[in-house]
N, C-alpha and C. Protein backbone atom coordinates (compact mmCIF):
# COMPACT_ATOMS: atom_id res chain seq x y z
N MET A 1 131.44 27.79 20.23
CA MET A 1 131.83 27.30 18.92
C MET A 1 130.90 26.17 18.49
N THR A 2 130.57 25.25 19.39
CA THR A 2 129.69 24.13 19.06
C THR A 2 128.31 24.64 18.68
N LYS A 3 127.82 25.67 19.39
CA LYS A 3 126.51 26.24 19.08
C LYS A 3 126.50 26.82 17.67
N LYS A 4 127.60 27.46 17.28
CA LYS A 4 127.68 28.06 15.96
C LYS A 4 127.62 26.97 14.89
N ILE A 5 128.34 25.89 15.07
CA ILE A 5 128.33 24.78 14.10
C ILE A 5 126.94 24.16 14.05
N LEU A 6 126.33 23.97 15.21
CA LEU A 6 124.99 23.39 15.26
C LEU A 6 124.00 24.30 14.56
N TRP A 7 124.07 25.61 14.84
CA TRP A 7 123.17 26.57 14.21
C TRP A 7 123.37 26.58 12.69
N THR A 8 124.61 26.54 12.23
CA THR A 8 124.90 26.51 10.81
C THR A 8 124.29 25.27 10.18
N GLY A 9 124.37 24.14 10.86
CA GLY A 9 123.78 22.91 10.35
C GLY A 9 122.27 23.01 10.24
N PHE A 10 121.63 23.60 11.26
CA PHE A 10 120.17 23.78 11.20
C PHE A 10 119.80 24.75 10.08
N THR A 11 120.59 25.80 9.91
CA THR A 11 120.31 26.77 8.86
C THR A 11 120.42 26.11 7.49
N ALA A 12 121.46 25.32 7.28
CA ALA A 12 121.62 24.63 6.01
C ALA A 12 120.48 23.66 5.78
N LEU A 13 120.08 22.94 6.80
CA LEU A 13 118.97 22.01 6.68
C LEU A 13 117.69 22.76 6.35
N GLY A 14 117.49 23.90 6.99
CA GLY A 14 116.31 24.72 6.71
C GLY A 14 116.29 25.21 5.28
N LEU A 15 117.46 25.59 4.75
CA LEU A 15 117.53 26.04 3.37
C LEU A 15 117.21 24.91 2.40
N ILE A 16 117.60 23.70 2.74
CA ILE A 16 117.27 22.56 1.89
C ILE A 16 115.76 22.39 1.82
N PHE A 17 115.10 22.45 2.98
CA PHE A 17 113.64 22.30 2.99
C PHE A 17 112.96 23.47 2.30
N VAL A 18 113.43 24.69 2.54
CA VAL A 18 112.85 25.85 1.91
C VAL A 18 113.08 25.79 0.41
N GLY A 19 114.27 25.43 0.00
CA GLY A 19 114.58 25.32 -1.42
C GLY A 19 113.71 24.31 -2.12
N SER A 20 113.37 23.22 -1.44
CA SER A 20 112.53 22.21 -2.06
C SER A 20 111.08 22.66 -2.09
N ALA A 21 110.72 23.66 -1.29
CA ALA A 21 109.35 24.15 -1.26
C ALA A 21 109.12 25.29 -2.24
N VAL A 22 110.13 25.67 -3.01
CA VAL A 22 110.00 26.78 -3.94
C VAL A 22 108.82 26.57 -4.86
N ALA A 23 108.64 25.39 -5.38
CA ALA A 23 107.58 25.13 -6.34
C ALA A 23 106.20 25.31 -5.72
N ALA A 24 106.11 25.37 -4.40
CA ALA A 24 104.82 25.53 -3.74
C ALA A 24 104.23 26.90 -4.02
N GLY A 25 105.04 27.87 -4.35
CA GLY A 25 104.55 29.21 -4.65
C GLY A 25 104.70 29.53 -6.12
N PRO A 26 103.76 30.28 -6.67
CA PRO A 26 103.80 30.55 -8.10
C PRO A 26 105.00 31.38 -8.55
N ILE A 27 105.43 32.33 -7.74
CA ILE A 27 106.56 33.16 -8.14
C ILE A 27 107.86 32.37 -8.04
N GLY A 28 108.03 31.61 -6.97
CA GLY A 28 109.22 30.78 -6.84
C GLY A 28 109.34 29.76 -7.95
N ALA A 29 108.23 29.13 -8.30
CA ALA A 29 108.23 28.15 -9.38
C ALA A 29 108.55 28.81 -10.71
N ALA A 30 107.95 29.96 -10.98
CA ALA A 30 108.23 30.67 -12.23
C ALA A 30 109.68 31.12 -12.29
N CYS A 31 110.22 31.54 -11.16
CA CYS A 31 111.62 31.94 -11.07
C CYS A 31 112.53 30.78 -11.45
N MET A 32 112.26 29.61 -10.88
CA MET A 32 113.09 28.44 -11.17
C MET A 32 112.95 27.99 -12.62
N GLN A 33 111.79 28.13 -13.19
CA GLN A 33 111.54 27.70 -14.57
C GLN A 33 112.03 28.72 -15.59
N SER A 34 112.43 29.90 -15.13
CA SER A 34 112.83 30.96 -16.05
C SER A 34 114.17 30.69 -16.70
N HIS A 35 114.98 29.84 -16.11
CA HIS A 35 116.31 29.49 -16.63
C HIS A 35 117.21 30.71 -16.78
N ARG A 36 116.97 31.72 -15.94
CA ARG A 36 117.87 32.88 -15.94
C ARG A 36 119.14 32.49 -15.20
N SER A 37 120.24 33.10 -15.58
CA SER A 37 121.52 32.71 -14.98
C SER A 37 121.57 32.95 -13.48
N ALA A 38 120.88 33.96 -12.99
CA ALA A 38 120.91 34.27 -11.56
C ALA A 38 119.94 33.41 -10.74
N ALA A 39 119.04 32.71 -11.42
CA ALA A 39 118.04 31.91 -10.70
C ALA A 39 118.72 30.75 -9.97
N SER A 40 118.39 30.63 -8.71
CA SER A 40 118.87 29.51 -7.89
C SER A 40 117.74 29.16 -6.93
N SER A 41 117.79 27.98 -6.37
CA SER A 41 116.72 27.61 -5.44
C SER A 41 116.71 28.55 -4.24
N ALA A 42 117.88 28.98 -3.78
CA ALA A 42 117.94 29.89 -2.63
C ALA A 42 117.33 31.25 -2.97
N LEU A 43 117.69 31.80 -4.12
CA LEU A 43 117.18 33.11 -4.52
C LEU A 43 115.67 33.03 -4.80
N CYS A 44 115.26 32.04 -5.56
CA CYS A 44 113.84 31.90 -5.90
C CYS A 44 113.00 31.66 -4.65
N SER A 45 113.53 30.90 -3.72
CA SER A 45 112.84 30.67 -2.46
C SER A 45 112.71 31.97 -1.67
N CYS A 46 113.75 32.75 -1.64
CA CYS A 46 113.73 34.03 -0.93
C CYS A 46 112.67 34.94 -1.55
N ILE A 47 112.66 35.03 -2.86
CA ILE A 47 111.69 35.87 -3.55
C ILE A 47 110.28 35.40 -3.25
N GLN A 48 110.06 34.09 -3.22
CA GLN A 48 108.74 33.55 -2.91
C GLN A 48 108.35 33.90 -1.47
N GLN A 49 109.30 33.84 -0.56
CA GLN A 49 109.01 34.18 0.83
C GLN A 49 108.54 35.63 0.95
N VAL A 50 109.19 36.53 0.23
CA VAL A 50 108.77 37.93 0.24
C VAL A 50 107.38 38.06 -0.39
N ALA A 51 107.15 37.35 -1.47
CA ALA A 51 105.83 37.39 -2.12
C ALA A 51 104.75 36.91 -1.17
N ASP A 52 105.06 35.88 -0.39
CA ASP A 52 104.07 35.32 0.54
C ASP A 52 103.61 36.32 1.58
N VAL A 53 104.47 37.25 1.95
CA VAL A 53 104.09 38.23 2.97
C VAL A 53 103.66 39.58 2.38
N THR A 54 103.82 39.77 1.07
CA THR A 54 103.49 41.07 0.49
C THR A 54 102.39 41.02 -0.57
N LEU A 55 102.19 39.88 -1.20
CA LEU A 55 101.21 39.80 -2.29
C LEU A 55 100.16 38.72 -2.02
N PRO A 56 98.89 39.04 -2.28
CA PRO A 56 97.88 37.98 -2.21
C PRO A 56 98.09 36.97 -3.33
N GLY A 57 97.48 35.81 -3.19
CA GLY A 57 97.68 34.73 -4.16
C GLY A 57 97.39 35.11 -5.60
N ALA A 58 96.31 35.86 -5.83
CA ALA A 58 95.98 36.25 -7.21
C ALA A 58 97.08 37.13 -7.80
N ASP A 59 97.64 38.04 -6.99
CA ASP A 59 98.74 38.88 -7.47
C ASP A 59 99.98 38.04 -7.75
N GLN A 60 100.23 37.05 -6.91
CA GLN A 60 101.39 36.17 -7.14
C GLN A 60 101.25 35.44 -8.47
N ARG A 61 100.08 34.92 -8.73
CA ARG A 61 99.88 34.20 -10.00
C ARG A 61 100.03 35.14 -11.19
N ARG A 62 99.51 36.34 -11.05
CA ARG A 62 99.63 37.32 -12.13
C ARG A 62 101.08 37.71 -12.35
N ALA A 63 101.81 37.95 -11.28
CA ALA A 63 103.22 38.33 -11.39
C ALA A 63 104.07 37.19 -11.93
N ALA A 64 103.72 35.96 -11.59
CA ALA A 64 104.48 34.80 -12.09
C ALA A 64 104.44 34.75 -13.61
N ALA A 65 103.36 35.21 -14.19
CA ALA A 65 103.25 35.22 -15.66
C ALA A 65 104.30 36.13 -16.29
N PHE A 66 104.79 37.11 -15.56
CA PHE A 66 105.80 38.02 -16.09
C PHE A 66 107.12 37.31 -16.37
N PHE A 67 107.40 36.24 -15.63
CA PHE A 67 108.62 35.47 -15.88
C PHE A 67 108.56 34.80 -17.24
N ARG A 68 107.38 34.33 -17.60
CA ARG A 68 107.20 33.65 -18.89
C ARG A 68 107.07 34.63 -20.05
N ASP A 69 106.44 35.77 -19.77
CA ASP A 69 106.18 36.75 -20.83
C ASP A 69 106.39 38.16 -20.28
N PRO A 70 107.63 38.66 -20.33
CA PRO A 70 107.92 39.99 -19.78
C PRO A 70 107.10 41.12 -20.42
N ASP A 71 106.61 40.90 -21.64
CA ASP A 71 105.78 41.92 -22.28
C ASP A 71 104.49 42.16 -21.51
N LYS A 72 104.01 41.14 -20.79
CA LYS A 72 102.80 41.31 -19.97
C LYS A 72 103.03 42.37 -18.90
N ALA A 73 104.22 42.39 -18.33
CA ALA A 73 104.53 43.40 -17.31
C ALA A 73 104.45 44.79 -17.91
N GLN A 74 105.00 44.95 -19.08
CA GLN A 74 104.96 46.26 -19.75
C GLN A 74 103.53 46.68 -20.05
N GLN A 75 102.71 45.73 -20.48
CA GLN A 75 101.31 46.04 -20.77
C GLN A 75 100.57 46.52 -19.52
N VAL A 76 100.82 45.85 -18.41
CA VAL A 76 100.17 46.24 -17.15
C VAL A 76 100.68 47.60 -16.71
N ARG A 77 101.97 47.79 -16.81
CA ARG A 77 102.58 49.05 -16.38
C ARG A 77 102.02 50.23 -17.18
N MET A 78 101.78 50.05 -18.45
CA MET A 78 101.32 51.13 -19.32
C MET A 78 99.79 51.26 -19.34
N SER A 79 99.11 50.33 -18.73
CA SER A 79 97.65 50.32 -18.73
C SER A 79 97.09 51.55 -18.01
N LYS A 80 95.91 51.96 -18.42
CA LYS A 80 95.22 53.09 -17.79
C LYS A 80 94.17 52.61 -16.78
N SER A 81 94.08 51.30 -16.58
CA SER A 81 93.09 50.73 -15.68
C SER A 81 93.46 50.98 -14.21
N ARG A 82 92.46 51.31 -13.40
CA ARG A 82 92.71 51.50 -11.96
C ARG A 82 93.18 50.20 -11.32
N ASN A 83 92.57 49.09 -11.73
CA ASN A 83 92.97 47.79 -11.19
C ASN A 83 94.42 47.48 -11.53
N ASP A 84 94.81 47.75 -12.76
CA ASP A 84 96.20 47.51 -13.16
C ASP A 84 97.15 48.44 -12.41
N ASP A 85 96.74 49.71 -12.23
CA ASP A 85 97.57 50.66 -11.48
C ASP A 85 97.77 50.19 -10.03
N ALA A 86 96.69 49.71 -9.41
CA ALA A 86 96.78 49.23 -8.03
C ALA A 86 97.66 47.99 -7.95
N PHE A 87 97.48 47.08 -8.90
CA PHE A 87 98.33 45.89 -8.93
C PHE A 87 99.78 46.30 -9.12
N TRP A 88 100.04 47.20 -10.05
CA TRP A 88 101.42 47.62 -10.34
C TRP A 88 102.08 48.24 -9.10
N ALA A 89 101.33 48.99 -8.33
CA ALA A 89 101.87 49.57 -7.10
C ALA A 89 102.26 48.46 -6.11
N ARG A 90 101.40 47.46 -5.97
CA ARG A 90 101.72 46.34 -5.07
C ARG A 90 102.91 45.55 -5.60
N TYR A 91 102.93 45.34 -6.90
CA TYR A 91 104.00 44.56 -7.52
C TYR A 91 105.35 45.26 -7.39
N THR A 92 105.39 46.57 -7.62
CA THR A 92 106.68 47.27 -7.49
C THR A 92 107.13 47.33 -6.04
N ALA A 93 106.20 47.47 -5.10
CA ALA A 93 106.57 47.43 -3.68
C ALA A 93 107.16 46.06 -3.33
N PHE A 94 106.53 45.00 -3.84
CA PHE A 94 107.06 43.65 -3.65
C PHE A 94 108.47 43.55 -4.23
N GLY A 95 108.66 44.04 -5.44
CA GLY A 95 109.97 43.96 -6.09
C GLY A 95 111.05 44.67 -5.29
N GLN A 96 110.72 45.83 -4.74
CA GLN A 96 111.69 46.56 -3.93
C GLN A 96 112.03 45.80 -2.64
N LYS A 97 111.02 45.23 -2.03
CA LYS A 97 111.26 44.46 -0.80
C LYS A 97 112.07 43.20 -1.10
N ALA A 98 111.74 42.53 -2.18
CA ALA A 98 112.47 41.31 -2.56
C ALA A 98 113.93 41.64 -2.85
N GLU A 99 114.16 42.73 -3.55
CA GLU A 99 115.53 43.12 -3.86
C GLU A 99 116.31 43.43 -2.59
N ALA A 100 115.69 44.16 -1.68
CA ALA A 100 116.37 44.53 -0.43
C ALA A 100 116.63 43.30 0.44
N TYR A 101 115.67 42.40 0.50
CA TYR A 101 115.76 41.24 1.38
C TYR A 101 116.61 40.11 0.79
N CYS A 102 116.55 39.93 -0.51
CA CYS A 102 117.19 38.77 -1.14
C CYS A 102 118.51 39.08 -1.83
N ALA A 103 118.90 40.34 -1.88
CA ALA A 103 120.12 40.72 -2.61
C ALA A 103 121.38 40.15 -1.99
N GLY A 104 121.29 39.72 -0.77
CA GLY A 104 122.28 39.01 -0.06
C GLY A 104 123.64 39.39 0.04
């Protein structure tokens, strides 16, 4: 029982530090600045963690722009460019992983 309480305390402390580090990543920062009702430091931090392991920095910065201007996502999705198609494939894979991992 004591181990469980201690572990819970460490987990909560870890979430505080992770939550404060959200702004360190472009997607986490954009998520927090989006003012969407579902945005929270825990959720945005989780999404950033998934981005850190699935998307290179340039893709993260590009995807963060979608929070500010969702029309940019539609433009990329509809683009005929090979680069945009490749980015879109990485971005949708990231989105699926983030949803599965962070849906909680």
